[in-house]
Protein backbone atom coordinates (compact mmCIF):
# COMPACT_ATOMS: atom_id res chain seq x y z
CA MET A 1 44.36 41.16 9.12
CA LEU A 2 41.24 40.07 10.97
CA ASN A 3 41.09 36.83 12.91
CA PRO A 4 38.31 34.29 12.09
CA LYS A 5 35.97 35.53 14.85
CA GLU A 6 36.43 39.16 13.80
CA MET A 7 35.73 38.18 10.18
CA PHE A 8 32.52 36.49 11.34
CA SER A 9 31.55 39.57 13.30
CA LEU A 10 32.10 41.70 10.20
CA LEU A 11 29.97 39.30 8.15
CA LEU A 12 27.14 39.60 10.69
CA LYS A 13 27.28 43.37 10.30
CA GLN A 14 27.26 43.05 6.51
CA ILE A 15 24.15 40.89 6.58
CA GLN A 16 22.58 43.15 9.22
CA TRP A 17 22.06 40.31 11.68
CA PRO A 18 19.59 41.37 14.39
CA MET A 19 21.85 41.15 17.47
CA ASP A 20 19.16 42.64 19.69
CA GLN A 21 16.62 39.90 19.02
CA GLY A 22 18.26 37.23 21.12
CA GLU A 23 20.03 35.46 18.26
CA ASN A 24 23.57 36.45 19.10
CA LEU A 25 25.48 34.05 16.89
CA GLU A 26 28.94 32.96 17.84
CA GLY A 27 30.99 31.60 15.02
CA ARG A 28 34.06 32.05 12.94
CA ILE A 29 34.96 32.20 9.28
CA GLU A 30 37.15 29.24 8.42
CA SER A 31 37.65 30.26 4.81
CA VAL A 32 36.36 32.49 2.07
CA VAL A 33 37.15 31.59 -1.52
CA ILE A 34 36.34 34.18 -4.13
CA HIS A 35 36.00 33.07 -7.73
CA ARG A 36 36.15 36.36 -9.58
CA GLN A 37 35.59 34.98 -13.05
CA SER A 38 32.46 33.00 -12.15
CA ARG A 39 31.36 35.61 -9.56
CA ARG A 40 30.97 33.06 -6.80
CA TYR A 41 31.85 33.38 -3.10
CA HIS A 42 32.35 30.24 -1.05
CA PHE A 43 32.11 30.72 2.73
CA GLU A 44 33.02 28.07 5.28
CA VAL A 45 31.66 29.04 8.66
CA ALA A 46 32.07 27.20 11.96
CA PHE A 47 29.74 27.35 14.94
CA PRO A 48 30.17 25.82 18.38
CA ASN A 49 26.93 23.85 17.87
CA ARG A 50 24.56 23.10 15.02
CA LEU A 51 22.13 25.94 14.36
CA PRO A 52 18.37 25.44 14.66
CA ALA A 53 16.89 25.11 11.16
CA GLU A 54 15.16 28.50 11.21
CA VAL A 55 18.37 30.26 12.37
CA TYR A 56 20.35 28.47 9.66
CA GLN A 57 17.86 29.63 7.01
CA ALA A 58 17.93 33.21 8.29
CA PHE A 59 21.75 33.25 8.36
CA VAL A 60 22.26 31.76 4.89
CA GLY A 61 19.45 33.91 3.46
CA GLY A 62 21.10 36.99 4.97
CA VAL A 63 24.45 36.11 3.39
CA GLU A 64 22.82 35.49 0.01
CA ARG A 65 20.91 38.80 0.14
CA ALA A 66 24.00 40.75 1.24
CA PHE A 67 25.96 39.61 -1.79
CA GLU A 68 23.09 39.59 -4.27
CA GLY A 69 24.14 41.39 -7.42
CA ILE A 70 27.81 40.90 -6.51
CA ALA A 71 28.18 37.13 -6.56
CA GLN A 72 26.44 33.84 -6.04
CA VAL A 73 27.10 32.49 -2.56
CA ASP A 74 27.79 29.02 -1.18
CA VAL A 75 27.77 28.62 2.59
CA ILE A 76 29.15 25.49 4.22
CA ILE A 77 28.55 25.07 7.94
CA HIS A 78 30.86 23.19 10.30
CA CYS A 79 30.09 22.41 13.93
CA ASP A 80 32.75 22.13 16.61
CA GLN A 81 30.63 19.85 18.78
CA ALA A 82 29.31 16.66 17.30
CA GLN A 83 25.96 16.50 18.99
CA ALA A 84 23.22 13.97 18.64
CA ALA A 85 20.26 15.23 16.71
CA ASP A 86 16.72 14.41 17.62
CA GLU A 87 13.99 13.46 15.17
CA ALA A 88 12.41 16.91 15.13
CA GLU A 89 15.72 18.60 14.32
CA ILE A 90 16.58 16.18 11.50
CA LEU A 91 13.12 16.55 10.00
CA ALA A 92 13.22 20.35 10.40
CA TYR A 93 16.24 20.36 8.08
CA TRP A 94 14.51 18.15 5.47
CA PRO A 95 13.06 21.06 3.42
CA ILE A 96 16.46 22.77 3.52
CA VAL A 97 18.18 19.66 2.15
CA CYS A 98 15.56 19.24 -0.57
CA GLN A 99 15.85 22.90 -1.56
CA GLU A 100 19.65 22.75 -1.57
CA LEU A 101 19.59 19.68 -3.82
CA ASP A 102 16.77 21.11 -5.98
CA PHE A 103 14.43 18.11 -5.75
CA GLN A 104 11.46 19.80 -7.36
CA GLN A 105 10.79 17.87 -10.52
CA GLY A 106 10.70 14.38 -11.90
CA MET A 107 10.91 11.21 -9.88
CA ALA A 108 13.08 12.81 -7.22
CA GLY A 109 10.50 15.54 -6.71
CA GLN A 110 7.75 12.96 -6.21
CA VAL A 111 9.78 10.94 -3.72
CA PHE A 112 11.42 13.74 -1.77
CA ASP A 113 8.35 15.97 -1.68
CA ARG A 114 6.89 13.75 1.03
CA VAL A 115 8.11 14.13 4.59
CA PRO A 116 10.15 11.04 5.44
CA GLN A 117 9.98 8.96 8.58
CA LEU A 118 12.96 8.63 10.86
CA LYS A 119 14.15 5.35 12.33
CA ASP A 120 17.53 4.79 14.00
CA HIS A 121 18.98 8.02 12.54
CA HIS A 122 17.95 6.93 9.04
CA LEU A 123 15.45 8.89 7.03
CA ILE A 124 12.98 6.55 5.39
CA VAL A 125 11.69 7.82 2.06
CA PHE A 126 9.03 5.98 0.14
CA ALA A 127 9.08 5.00 -3.52
CA ASP A 128 6.09 3.78 -5.49
CA ASN A 129 7.81 0.82 -7.17
CA PRO A 130 11.14 -1.02 -7.48
CA PRO A 131 12.44 0.92 -10.53
CA VAL A 132 11.87 4.25 -8.73
CA LYS A 133 13.51 2.83 -5.60
CA ASP A 134 16.56 1.71 -7.58
CA TYR A 135 16.79 5.05 -9.37
CA ILE A 136 16.62 7.05 -6.13
CA GLU A 137 19.18 4.79 -4.43
CA ALA A 138 21.61 5.06 -7.32
CA ASN A 139 21.32 8.80 -7.86
CA TYR A 140 20.28 10.59 -4.67
CA LEU A 141 20.99 8.80 -1.38
CA GLN A 142 24.63 9.80 -1.20
CA LYS A 143 23.73 13.41 -2.10
CA VAL A 144 21.19 13.60 0.73
CA THR A 145 23.65 12.12 3.25
CA GLN A 146 26.36 14.57 2.14
CA ALA A 147 23.94 17.50 2.37
CA TYR A 148 23.12 16.61 5.98
CA GLN A 149 26.85 16.35 6.73
CA ARG A 150 27.46 19.82 5.25
CA LEU A 151 24.71 21.12 7.52
CA GLY A 152 26.41 19.79 10.63
CA PHE A 153 24.77 16.39 11.01
CA SER A 154 26.82 13.23 11.19
CA GLY A 155 25.46 9.73 11.09
CA VAL A 156 22.19 10.56 9.33
CA GLY A 157 21.52 8.01 6.63
CA VAL A 158 18.75 7.51 4.12
CA ARG A 159 16.87 4.39 3.10
CA VAL A 160 14.33 3.94 0.35
CA VAL A 161 11.36 1.68 0.99
CA ILE A 162 8.61 0.75 -1.42
CA ASN A 163 5.27 2.10 -0.26
CA GLU A 164 3.22 -1.06 -0.78
CA VAL A 165 -0.14 0.65 -0.20
CA GLN A 166 0.59 3.39 -2.72
CA ALA A 167 2.05 0.90 -5.18
CA SER A 168 -1.08 -1.26 -5.13
CA GLN A 169 -3.34 1.81 -5.47
CA ARG A 170 -1.38 2.97 -8.51
CA GLN A 171 -1.52 -0.52 -9.98
CA GLU A 172 -5.31 -0.59 -9.53
CA GLU A 173 -5.64 2.85 -11.15
CA TYR A 174 -3.50 1.69 -14.05
CA GLU A 175 -5.58 -1.44 -14.53
CA LYS A 176 -8.81 0.58 -14.49
CA ARG A 177 -7.47 2.91 -17.16
CA GLN A 178 -6.49 -0.08 -19.29
CA GLN A 179 -10.02 -1.50 -19.10
CA THR A 180 -11.71 1.66 -20.37
């Protein structure tokens, strides 16, 4: 039986991780759950520190490609060291979070398609009006926070703010259409 670090090493070989390109990953497999009936593999992998966004994407993409045709893959990342994240790092993970949560259509797509601002470890996303704000708060804020936690970030919150400039522009456009 392989230990968790040996299992991780084997996984890196399976995904053909480029060890010679300076990205020598150190990690361990905490668990692998195989759902045979639904053809789904669930990996929990731990790293000493949070991975840079581009390394995370390359790693998860490699795992998904390696098991393509065999099973769908879920990868959950844990970090041993809780480290403070800077603004650039949190924002670099924003597209990953949006892709993971599939925010491509509807109101969520319109709100989350824009790059948020960051203030006091809270992502500030902008809604066009109060009903959209309420909808996003009720249905998505917790999901975004949980996605960041799964990616190794703790303490990253999300707030929704009404974009007053955009709201007034949309109101003016609406009024113009009503007049014609």
